[in-house]
Amino acid sequence: MQIYKTKQELKPEENDYIFELVSNDFELNQKMDLLVSSYQRLKLDPNGFKYLIKALCEKLDLNPHFPRKGDVNERYDVLIDNPSGGYGIVTEVEIPSTAILDAPRNLLDDIAVLTNRRGVKTDNLIPLVMCWDFPNNRTDYWNVVKDIKDVLSIEIKTCSILALAVLAWTENGFDARSDSYYLIPTKNSLDNVLEILVSYGIDEQKYKGLFYPIK
């Protein structure tokens, strides 16, 4: 996980703002603007994105598990359990996305460890890269993801934090089995999330790069 850190962790009570980002009574566009404007604060908080992801997952009825320090069997950034679906979403978080090219390779390592050392079936794992903004269409990231799909038949999916938040706020759920909730090389926009924004009268152009790559 590539996250900038301060030298001193914030006190627990100073992390309350993260949950207020998720649970508030604002209109959807206000919620989105508040989250986007909080990026710098989240980035400087050593636990900011961890708590944000935790809060969003729980709002979507998903159980996030973060690795224990020193446990070599837990190399992922987050393992998200879907109690009703019987599968896990093994996740690499890249914020900022400057090192996102490493994420697909890290996921392959995560999957290998979970299957070989924990006995988890590959069919029960969905590999996901969670980012703040999507890499440009011309970057090597999408080529690497495509190559992994072509050679290993493992489809790595990509989703943004804001897309996850929109789904949580609008109570649309998160079906990890459906490609509608991710970007893959053959589908480069989150159409279902964009449809939600249209229904709320929100202009997605305000959020370039957060629901689809900037071309």
Foldseek 3Di string as FASTA:
>chain_A
DDAAEDPDADDPVVQVVLLCLQDDDDDPVVSLVVVVVCLVVLRHHPCSVVVNVCNLCVLLVKHKDADDPPPPLQQAGIWIHRVVPQAIEGEHECVACPPVLCQVVSQVVNLCSCCPPVVDDPVRYAYEYEHAFDAALPDCSQVVQVVCCVPVVHHYWYAYSSLSSLCSVVVVHDDSVDCLRTDHSVRFFNVVSVVVCVVSVHDCVVPARRGGHDD
